[in-house]
Amino acid sequence: TVFIIRREFEREFRQIVGRRMENIMDVGYAFQ
């Protein structure tokens, strides 16, 4: 899964969403 996010809320997104999703499958990030 690759999440396309805005860089200004990367930290919040990783904390709330990313860490939990990384337990399910391989995760990457792209920035719009």
PDB file of all heavy atoms in Angstrom:
ATOM      1  N   THR A   1       0.842  -1.191   0.000  1.00  0.00           N
ATOM      2  CA  THR A   1       0.000   0.000   0.000  1.00  0.00           C
ATOM      3  C   THR A   1       0.876   1.239   0.000  1.00  0.00           C
ATOM      4  O   THR A   1       1.846   1.321   0.772  1.00  0.00           O
ATOM      5  CB  THR A   1      -0.918   0.042   1.232  1.00  0.00           C
ATOM      6  OG1 THR A   1      -1.866  -1.025   1.160  1.00  0.00           O
ATOM      7  CG2 THR A   1      -1.693   1.356   1.291  1.00  0.00           C
ATOM      8  N   VAL A   2       0.568   2.197  -0.853  1.00  0.00           N
ATOM      9  CA  VAL A   2       1.263   3.491  -0.876  1.00  0.00           C
ATOM     10  C   VAL A   2       0.234   4.577  -0.583  1.00  0.00           C
ATOM     11  O   VAL A   2      -0.782   4.677  -1.270  1.00  0.00           O
ATOM     12  CB  VAL A   2       1.935   3.748  -2.240  1.00  0.00           C
ATOM     13  CG1 VAL A   2       2.540   5.153  -2.281  1.00  0.00           C
ATOM     14  CG2 VAL A   2       3.006   2.697  -2.509  1.00  0.00           C
ATOM     15  N   PHE A   3       0.491   5.365   0.444  1.00  0.00           N
ATOM     16  CA  PHE A   3      -0.380   6.475   0.803  1.00  0.00           C
ATOM     17  C   PHE A   3       0.132   7.746   0.143  1.00  0.00           C
ATOM     18  O   PHE A   3       1.312   8.103   0.282  1.00  0.00           O
ATOM     19  CB  PHE A   3      -0.401   6.678   2.323  1.00  0.00           C
ATOM     20  CG  PHE A   3      -1.016   5.539   3.085  1.00  0.00           C
ATOM     21  CD1 PHE A   3      -0.229   4.650   3.788  1.00  0.00           C
ATOM     22  CD2 PHE A   3      -2.393   5.348   3.085  1.00  0.00           C
ATOM     23  CE1 PHE A   3      -0.787   3.599   4.487  1.00  0.00           C
ATOM     24  CE2 PHE A   3      -2.963   4.297   3.788  1.00  0.00           C
ATOM     25  CZ  PHE A   3      -2.162   3.416   4.494  1.00  0.00           C
ATOM     26  N   ILE A   4      -0.737   8.438  -0.575  1.00  0.00           N
ATOM     27  CA  ILE A   4      -0.402   9.734  -1.165  1.00  0.00           C
ATOM     28  C   ILE A   4      -0.942  10.802  -0.217  1.00  0.00           C
ATOM     29  O   ILE A   4      -2.145  10.953  -0.050  1.00  0.00           O
ATOM     30  CB  ILE A   4      -1.019   9.892  -2.564  1.00  0.00           C
ATOM     31  CG1 ILE A   4      -0.628   8.709  -3.456  1.00  0.00           C
ATOM     32  CG2 ILE A   4      -0.570  11.220  -3.192  1.00  0.00           C
ATOM     33  CD1 ILE A   4      -1.369   8.678  -4.782  1.00  0.00           C
ATOM     34  N   ILE A   5      -0.027  11.528   0.429  1.00  0.00           N
ATOM     35  CA  ILE A   5      -0.410  12.494   1.450  1.00  0.00           C
ATOM     36  C   ILE A   5       0.277  13.827   1.191  1.00  0.00           C
ATOM     37  O   ILE A   5       1.134  13.940   0.317  1.00  0.00           O
ATOM     38  CB  ILE A   5      -0.059  11.988   2.863  1.00  0.00           C
ATOM     39  CG1 ILE A   5       1.462  11.779   2.993  1.00  0.00           C
ATOM     40  CG2 ILE A   5      -0.804  10.690   3.174  1.00  0.00           C
ATOM     41  CD1 ILE A   5       1.909  11.368   4.390  1.00  0.00           C
ATOM     42  N   ARG A   6      -0.105  14.816   1.961  1.00  0.00           N
ATOM     43  CA  ARG A   6       0.587  16.102   1.920  1.00  0.00           C
ATOM     44  C   ARG A   6       1.645  16.126   3.007  1.00  0.00           C
ATOM     45  O   ARG A   6       1.421  15.685   4.128  1.00  0.00           O
ATOM     46  CB  ARG A   6      -0.411  17.236   2.074  1.00  0.00           C
ATOM     47  CG  ARG A   6      -1.278  17.405   0.828  1.00  0.00           C
ATOM     48  CD  ARG A   6      -2.450  18.309   1.014  1.00  0.00           C
ATOM     49  NE  ARG A   6      -2.068  19.688   1.215  1.00  0.00           N
ATOM     50  CZ  ARG A   6      -2.921  20.707   1.139  1.00  0.00           C
ATOM     51  NH1 ARG A   6      -4.196  20.479   0.868  1.00  0.00           N
ATOM     52  NH2 ARG A   6      -2.517  21.941   1.336  1.00  0.00           N
ATOM     53  N   ARG A   7       2.802  16.627   2.647  1.00  0.00           N
ATOM     54  CA  ARG A   7       3.954  16.520   3.532  1.00  0.00           C
ATOM     55  C   ARG A   7       3.725  17.204   4.879  1.00  0.00           C
ATOM     56  O   ARG A   7       4.254  16.770   5.904  1.00  0.00           O
ATOM     57  CB  ARG A   7       5.194  17.114   2.857  1.00  0.00           C
ATOM     58  CG  ARG A   7       6.496  16.712   3.513  1.00  0.00           C
ATOM     59  CD  ARG A   7       7.692  17.250   2.758  1.00  0.00           C
ATOM     60  NE  ARG A   7       7.796  16.700   1.422  1.00  0.00           N
ATOM     61  CZ  ARG A   7       8.422  15.564   1.146  1.00  0.00           C
ATOM     62  NH1 ARG A   7       8.977  14.863   2.110  1.00  0.00           N
ATOM     63  NH2 ARG A   7       8.500  15.128  -0.101  1.00  0.00           N
ATOM     64  N   GLU A   8       2.874  18.237   4.911  1.00  0.00           N
ATOM     65  CA  GLU A   8       2.706  18.973   6.161  1.00  0.00           C
ATOM     66  C   GLU A   8       1.994  18.178   7.253  1.00  0.00           C
ATOM     67  O   GLU A   8       2.082  18.529   8.427  1.00  0.00           O
ATOM     68  CB  GLU A   8       1.977  20.300   5.932  1.00  0.00           C
ATOM     69  CG  GLU A   8       0.625  20.179   5.270  1.00  0.00           C
ATOM     70  CD  GLU A   8       0.701  20.454   3.778  1.00  0.00           C
ATOM     71  OE1 GLU A   8       1.696  20.026   3.141  1.00  0.00           O
ATOM     72  OE2 GLU A   8      -0.239  21.087   3.254  1.00  0.00           O
ATOM     73  N   PHE A   9       1.266  17.100   6.868  1.00  0.00           N
ATOM     74  CA  PHE A   9       0.707  16.289   7.946  1.00  0.00           C
ATOM     75  C   PHE A   9       1.259  14.856   7.925  1.00  0.00           C
ATOM     76  O   PHE A   9       0.631  13.911   8.394  1.00  0.00           O
ATOM     77  CB  PHE A   9      -0.827  16.322   7.966  1.00  0.00           C
ATOM     78  CG  PHE A   9      -1.542  15.682   6.808  1.00  0.00           C
ATOM     79  CD1 PHE A   9      -1.879  14.339   6.835  1.00  0.00           C
ATOM     80  CD2 PHE A   9      -1.935  16.434   5.715  1.00  0.00           C
ATOM     81  CE1 PHE A   9      -2.574  13.752   5.790  1.00  0.00           C
ATOM     82  CE2 PHE A   9      -2.631  15.855   4.661  1.00  0.00           C
ATOM     83  CZ  PHE A   9      -2.951  14.509   4.704  1.00  0.00           C
ATOM     84  N   GLU A  10       2.500  14.720   7.408  1.00  0.00           N
ATOM     85  CA  GLU A  10       3.146  13.406   7.371  1.00  0.00           C
ATOM     86  C   GLU A  10       3.305  12.809   8.773  1.00  0.00           C
ATOM     87  O   GLU A  10       2.994  11.637   9.005  1.00  0.00           O
ATOM     88  CB  GLU A  10       4.513  13.498   6.695  1.00  0.00           C
ATOM     89  CG  GLU A  10       5.271  12.171   6.712  1.00  0.00           C
ATOM     90  CD  GLU A  10       6.698  12.295   6.206  1.00  0.00           C
ATOM     91  OE1 GLU A  10       7.135  13.433   5.893  1.00  0.00           O
ATOM     92  OE2 GLU A  10       7.373  11.255   6.133  1.00  0.00           O
ATOM     93  N   ARG A  11       3.793  13.605   9.720  1.00  0.00           N
ATOM     94  CA  ARG A  11       4.048  13.071  11.053  1.00  0.00           C
ATOM     95  C   ARG A  11       2.769  12.570  11.698  1.00  0.00           C
ATOM     96  O   ARG A  11       2.726  11.459  12.243  1.00  0.00           O
ATOM     97  CB  ARG A  11       4.702  14.149  11.924  1.00  0.00           C
ATOM     98  CG  ARG A  11       5.034  13.676  13.333  1.00  0.00           C
ATOM     99  CD  ARG A  11       5.732  14.777  14.108  1.00  0.00           C
ATOM    100  NE  ARG A  11       6.008  14.347  15.475  1.00  0.00           N
ATOM    101  CZ  ARG A  11       6.596  15.108  16.399  1.00  0.00           C
ATOM    102  NH1 ARG A  11       6.989  16.342  16.074  1.00  0.00           N
ATOM    103  NH2 ARG A  11       6.810  14.642  17.608  1.00  0.00           N
ATOM    104  N   GLU A  12       1.712  13.366  11.626  1.00  0.00           N
ATOM    105  CA  GLU A  12       0.434  12.967  12.209  1.00  0.00           C
ATOM    106  C   GLU A  12      -0.106  11.733  11.511  1.00  0.00           C
ATOM    107  O   GLU A  12      -0.609  10.797  12.158  1.00  0.00           O
ATOM    108  CB  GLU A  12      -0.567  14.117  12.096  1.00  0.00           C
ATOM    109  CG  GLU A  12      -1.940  13.793  12.666  1.00  0.00           C
ATOM    110  CD  GLU A  12      -2.938  14.917  12.463  1.00  0.00           C
ATOM    111  OE1 GLU A  12      -2.617  15.874  11.711  1.00  0.00           O
ATOM    112  OE2 GLU A  12      -4.033  14.843  13.039  1.00  0.00           O
ATOM    113  N   PHE A  13       0.004  11.686  10.191  1.00  0.00           N
ATOM    114  CA  PHE A  13      -0.515  10.559   9.435  1.00  0.00           C
ATOM    115  C   PHE A  13       0.225   9.273   9.794  1.00  0.00           C
ATOM    116  O   PHE A  13      -0.396   8.222  10.001  1.00  0.00           O
ATOM    117  CB  PHE A  13      -0.381  10.834   7.939  1.00  0.00           C
ATOM    118  CG  PHE A  13      -1.090   9.834   7.073  1.00  0.00           C
ATOM    119  CD1 PHE A  13      -2.384  10.067   6.640  1.00  0.00           C
ATOM    120  CD2 PHE A  13      -0.470   8.656   6.691  1.00  0.00           C
ATOM    121  CE1 PHE A  13      -3.045   9.140   5.842  1.00  0.00           C
ATOM    122  CE2 PHE A  13      -1.115   7.725   5.903  1.00  0.00           C
ATOM    123  CZ  PHE A  13      -2.403   7.970   5.477  1.00  0.00           C
ATOM    124  N   ARG A  14       1.543   9.344   9.869  1.00  0.00           N
ATOM    125  CA  ARG A  14       2.319   8.152  10.218  1.00  0.00           C
ATOM    126  C   ARG A  14       1.962   7.646  11.614  1.00  0.00           C
ATOM    127  O   ARG A  14       1.871   6.435  11.855  1.00  0.00           O
ATOM    128  CB  ARG A  14       3.814   8.453  10.142  1.00  0.00           C
ATOM    129  CG  ARG A  14       4.367   8.527   8.708  1.00  0.00           C
ATOM    130  CD  ARG A  14       5.843   8.859   8.734  1.00  0.00           C
ATOM    131  NE  ARG A  14       6.443   8.933   7.421  1.00  0.00           N
ATOM    132  CZ  ARG A  14       7.082   7.934   6.823  1.00  0.00           C
ATOM    133  NH1 ARG A  14       7.184   6.759   7.436  1.00  0.00           N
ATOM    134  NH2 ARG A  14       7.620   8.079   5.623  1.00  0.00           N
ATOM    135  N   GLN A  15       1.757   8.563  12.550  1.00  0.00           N
ATOM    136  CA  GLN A  15       1.451   8.168  13.913  1.00  0.00           C
ATOM    137  C   GLN A  15       0.063   7.549  14.026  1.00  0.00           C
ATOM    138  O   GLN A  15      -0.120   6.535  14.717  1.00  0.00           O
ATOM    139  CB  GLN A  15       1.551   9.380  14.849  1.00  0.00           C
ATOM    140  CG  GLN A  15       2.976   9.860  15.087  1.00  0.00           C
ATOM    141  CD  GLN A  15       3.026  11.104  15.952  1.00  0.00           C
ATOM    142  OE1 GLN A  15       2.036  11.822  16.103  1.00  0.00           O
ATOM    143  NE2 GLN A  15       4.194  11.374  16.531  1.00  0.00           N
ATOM    144  N   ILE A  16      -0.915   8.153  13.358  1.00  0.00           N
ATOM    145  CA  ILE A  16      -2.297   7.712  13.510  1.00  0.00           C
ATOM    146  C   ILE A  16      -2.627   6.549  12.582  1.00  0.00           C
ATOM    147  O   ILE A  16      -3.355   5.624  12.955  1.00  0.00           O
ATOM    148  CB  ILE A  16      -3.261   8.884  13.257  1.00  0.00           C
ATOM    149  CG1 ILE A  16      -3.032   9.985  14.294  1.00  0.00           C
ATOM    150  CG2 ILE A  16      -4.718   8.415  13.300  1.00  0.00           C
ATOM    151  CD1 ILE A  16      -3.864  11.228  14.062  1.00  0.00           C
ATOM    152  N   VAL A  17      -2.080   6.565  11.368  1.00  0.00           N
ATOM    153  CA  VAL A  17      -2.445   5.581  10.356  1.00  0.00           C
ATOM    154  C   VAL A  17      -1.293   4.645  10.015  1.00  0.00           C
ATOM    155  O   VAL A  17      -1.424   3.421  10.084  1.00  0.00           O
ATOM    156  CB  VAL A  17      -2.936   6.283   9.068  1.00  0.00           C
ATOM    157  CG1 VAL A  17      -3.320   5.248   8.006  1.00  0.00           C
ATOM    158  CG2 VAL A  17      -4.110   7.193   9.367  1.00  0.00           C
ATOM    159  N   GLY A  18      -0.160   5.228   9.655  1.00  0.00           N
ATOM    160  CA  GLY A  18       0.940   4.452   9.098  1.00  0.00           C
ATOM    161  C   GLY A  18       1.429   3.326   9.972  1.00  0.00           C
ATOM    162  O   GLY A  18       1.589   2.186   9.505  1.00  0.00           O
ATOM    163  N   ARG A  19       1.667   3.610  11.240  1.00  0.00           N
ATOM    164  CA  ARG A  19       2.227   2.574  12.120  1.00  0.00           C
ATOM    165  C   ARG A  19       1.292   1.382  12.246  1.00  0.00           C
ATOM    166  O   ARG A  19       1.735   0.237  12.310  1.00  0.00           O
ATOM    167  CB  ARG A  19       2.520   3.162  13.500  1.00  0.00           C
ATOM    168  CG  ARG A  19       3.738   4.081  13.527  1.00  0.00           C
ATOM    169  CD  ARG A  19       4.162   4.432  14.929  1.00  0.00           C
ATOM    170  NE  ARG A  19       3.109   5.162  15.648  1.00  0.00           N
ATOM    171  CZ  ARG A  19       3.276   5.657  16.877  1.00  0.00           C
ATOM    172  NH1 ARG A  19       4.429   5.499  17.517  1.00  0.00           N
ATOM    173  NH2 ARG A  19       2.302   6.319  17.467  1.00  0.00           N
ATOM    174  N   ARG A  20      -0.004   1.647  12.276  1.00  0.00           N
ATOM    175  CA  ARG A  20      -0.963   0.548  12.383  1.00  0.00           C
ATOM    176  C   ARG A  20      -1.014  -0.254  11.086  1.00  0.00           C
ATOM    177  O   ARG A  20      -1.067  -1.493  11.119  1.00  0.00           O
ATOM    178  CB  ARG A  20      -2.338   1.123  12.720  1.00  0.00           C
ATOM    179  CG  ARG A  20      -3.386   0.074  13.005  1.00  0.00           C
ATOM    180  CD  ARG A  20      -4.622   0.656  13.642  1.00  0.00           C
ATOM    181  NE  ARG A  20      -5.363   1.534  12.762  1.00  0.00           N
ATOM    182  CZ  ARG A  20      -5.420   2.860  12.892  1.00  0.00           C
ATOM    183  NH1 ARG A  20      -4.749   3.463  13.868  1.00  0.00           N
ATOM    184  NH2 ARG A  20      -6.127   3.585  12.062  1.00  0.00           N
ATOM    185  N   MET A  21      -0.987   0.431   9.942  1.00  0.00           N
ATOM    186  CA  MET A  21      -1.056  -0.264   8.661  1.00  0.00           C
ATOM    187  C   MET A  21       0.200  -1.079   8.378  1.00  0.00           C
ATOM    188  O   MET A  21       0.147  -2.114   7.706  1.00  0.00           O
ATOM    189  CB  MET A  21      -1.276   0.742   7.530  1.00  0.00           C
ATOM    190  CG  MET A  21      -2.511   1.616   7.686  1.00  0.00           C
ATOM    191  SD  MET A  21      -4.035   0.665   7.829  1.00  0.00           S
ATOM    192  CE  MET A  21      -5.233   1.979   8.021  1.00  0.00           C
ATOM    193  N   GLU A  22       1.334  -0.622   8.886  1.00  0.00           N
ATOM    194  CA  GLU A  22       2.588  -1.332   8.657  1.00  0.00           C
ATOM    195  C   GLU A  22       2.585  -2.712   9.299  1.00  0.00           C
ATOM    196  O   GLU A  22       3.400  -3.568   8.938  1.00  0.00           O
ATOM    197  CB  GLU A  22       3.757  -0.500   9.186  1.00  0.00           C
ATOM    198  CG  GLU A  22       4.046   0.725   8.319  1.00  0.00           C
ATOM    199  CD  GLU A  22       4.931   1.758   8.995  1.00  0.00           C
ATOM    200  OE1 GLU A  22       5.426   1.450  10.113  1.00  0.00           O
ATOM    201  OE2 GLU A  22       5.116   2.845   8.434  1.00  0.00           O
ATOM    202  N   ASN A  23       1.688  -2.950  10.236  1.00  0.00           N
ATOM    203  CA  ASN A  23       1.550  -4.271  10.837  1.00  0.00           C
ATOM    204  C   ASN A  23       0.758  -5.226   9.951  1.00  0.00           C
ATOM    205  O   ASN A  23       0.735  -6.433  10.207  1.00  0.00           O
ATOM    206  CB  ASN A  23       0.860  -4.171  12.200  1.00  0.00           C
ATOM    207  CG  ASN A  23       1.710  -3.442  13.232  1.00  0.00           C
ATOM    208  OD1 ASN A  23       2.934  -3.551  13.223  1.00  0.00           O
ATOM    209  ND2 ASN A  23       1.061  -2.687  14.116  1.00  0.00           N
ATOM    210  N   ILE A  24       0.104  -4.671   8.931  1.00  0.00           N
ATOM    211  CA  ILE A  24      -0.741  -5.480   8.059  1.00  0.00           C
ATOM    212  C   ILE A  24      -0.027  -5.846   6.765  1.00  0.00           C
ATOM    213  O   ILE A  24      -0.067  -6.993   6.316  1.00  0.00           O
ATOM    214  CB  ILE A  24      -2.052  -4.728   7.737  1.00  0.00           C
ATOM    215  CG1 ILE A  24      -2.823  -4.439   9.027  1.00  0.00           C
ATOM    216  CG2 ILE A  24      -2.911  -5.519   6.756  1.00  0.00           C
ATOM    217  CD1 ILE A  24      -4.069  -3.607   8.823  1.00  0.00           C
ATOM    218  N   MET A  25       0.648  -4.875   6.154  1.00  0.00           N
ATOM    219  CA  MET A  25       1.325  -5.121   4.880  1.00  0.00           C
ATOM    220  C   MET A  25       2.418  -4.079   4.662  1.00  0.00           C
ATOM    221  O   MET A  25       2.558  -3.132   5.443  1.00  0.00           O
ATOM    222  CB  MET A  25       0.321  -5.115   3.725  1.00  0.00           C
ATOM    223  CG  MET A  25      -0.363  -3.786   3.472  1.00  0.00           C
ATOM    224  SD  MET A  25      -1.807  -3.920   2.346  1.00  0.00           S
ATOM    225  CE  MET A  25      -1.095  -4.714   0.903  1.00  0.00           C
ATOM    226  N   ASP A  26       3.188  -4.259   3.611  1.00  0.00           N
ATOM    227  CA  ASP A  26       4.246  -3.322   3.250  1.00  0.00           C
ATOM    228  C   ASP A  26       3.634  -1.970   2.898  1.00  0.00           C
ATOM    229  O   ASP A  26       2.648  -1.902   2.152  1.00  0.00           O
ATOM    230  CB  ASP A  26       5.031  -3.885   2.061  1.00  0.00           C
ATOM    231  CG  ASP A  26       6.211  -3.016   1.680  1.00  0.00           C
ATOM    232  OD1 ASP A  26       6.790  -2.373   2.573  1.00  0.00           O
ATOM    233  OD2 ASP A  26       6.555  -2.989   0.482  1.00  0.00           O
ATOM    234  N   VAL A  27       4.211  -0.884   3.447  1.00  0.00           N
ATOM    235  CA  VAL A  27       3.646   0.452   3.291  1.00  0.00           C
ATOM    236  C   VAL A  27       4.699   1.415   2.753  1.00  0.00           C
ATOM    237  O   VAL A  27       5.865   1.374   3.153  1.00  0.00           O
ATOM    238  CB  VAL A  27       3.098   0.977   4.642  1.00  0.00           C
ATOM    239  CG1 VAL A  27       2.761   2.466   4.562  1.00  0.00           C
ATOM    240  CG2 VAL A  27       1.862   0.190   5.048  1.00  0.00           C
ATOM    241  N   GLY A  28       4.281   2.298   1.841  1.00  0.00           N
ATOM    242  CA  GLY A  28       5.130   3.369   1.358  1.00  0.00           C
ATOM    243  C   GLY A  28       4.371   4.680   1.369  1.00  0.00           C
ATOM    244  O   GLY A  28       3.145   4.709   1.552  1.00  0.00           O
ATOM    245  N   TYR A  29       5.100   5.795   1.149  1.00  0.00           N
ATOM    246  CA  TYR A  29       4.490   7.125   1.183  1.00  0.00           C
ATOM    247  C   TYR A  29       4.941   7.931  -0.032  1.00  0.00           C
ATOM    248  O   TYR A  29       6.098   7.888  -0.441  1.00  0.00           O
ATOM    249  CB  TYR A  29       4.879   7.875   2.459  1.00  0.00           C
ATOM    250  CG  TYR A  29       4.417   7.181   3.717  1.00  0.00           C
ATOM    251  CD1 TYR A  29       5.231   6.255   4.353  1.00  0.00           C
ATOM    252  CD2 TYR A  29       3.164   7.453   4.262  1.00  0.00           C
ATOM    253  CE1 TYR A  29       4.810   5.596   5.504  1.00  0.00           C
ATOM    254  CE2 TYR A  29       2.734   6.802   5.413  1.00  0.00           C
ATOM    255  CZ  TYR A  29       3.563   5.876   6.030  1.00  0.00           C
ATOM    256  OH  TYR A  29       3.133   5.228   7.159  1.00  0.00           O
ATOM    257  N   ALA A  30       3.989   8.667  -0.590  1.00  0.00           N
ATOM    258  CA  ALA A  30       4.286   9.624  -1.655  1.00  0.00           C
ATOM    259  C   ALA A  30       3.665  10.949  -1.245  1.00  0.00           C
ATOM    260  O   ALA A  30       2.688  10.976  -0.490  1.00  0.00           O
ATOM    261  CB  ALA A  30       3.713   9.150  -2.986  1.00  0.00           C
ATOM    262  N   PHE A  31       4.226  12.048  -1.749  1.00  0.00           N
ATOM    263  CA  PHE A  31       3.813  13.361  -1.265  1.00  0.00           C
ATOM    264  C   PHE A  31       3.287  14.231  -2.402  1.00  0.00           C
ATOM    265  O   PHE A  31       3.964  14.456  -3.397  1.00  0.00           O
ATOM    266  CB  PHE A  31       4.981  14.054  -0.570  1.00  0.00           C
ATOM    267  CG  PHE A  31       5.512  13.270   0.597  1.00  0.00           C
ATOM    268  CD1 PHE A  31       6.657  12.500   0.470  1.00  0.00           C
ATOM    269  CD2 PHE A  31       4.831  13.269   1.805  1.00  0.00           C
ATOM    270  CE1 PHE A  31       7.133  11.756   1.541  1.00  0.00           C
ATOM    271  CE2 PHE A  31       5.297  12.535   2.882  1.00  0.00           C
ATOM    272  CZ  PHE A  31       6.445  11.773   2.743  1.00  0.00           C
ATOM    273  N   GLN A  32       2.053  14.688  -2.219  1.00  0.00           N
ATOM    274  CA  GLN A  32       1.439  15.636  -3.148  1.00  0.00           C
ATOM    275  C   GLN A  32       1.587  17.019  -2.536  1.00  0.00           C
ATOM    276  O   GLN A  32       0.735  17.488  -1.788  1.00  0.00           O
ATOM    277  CB  GLN A  32      -0.035  15.292  -3.377  1.00  0.00           C
ATOM    278  CG  GLN A  32      -0.685  16.145  -4.455  1.00  0.00           C
ATOM    279  CD  GLN A  32      -2.123  15.730  -4.726  1.00  0.00           C
ATOM    280  OE1 GLN A  32      -2.625  14.795  -4.131  1.00  0.00           O
ATOM    281  NE2 GLN A  32      -2.775  16.434  -5.632  1.00  0.00           N
TER     282      GLN A  32
END
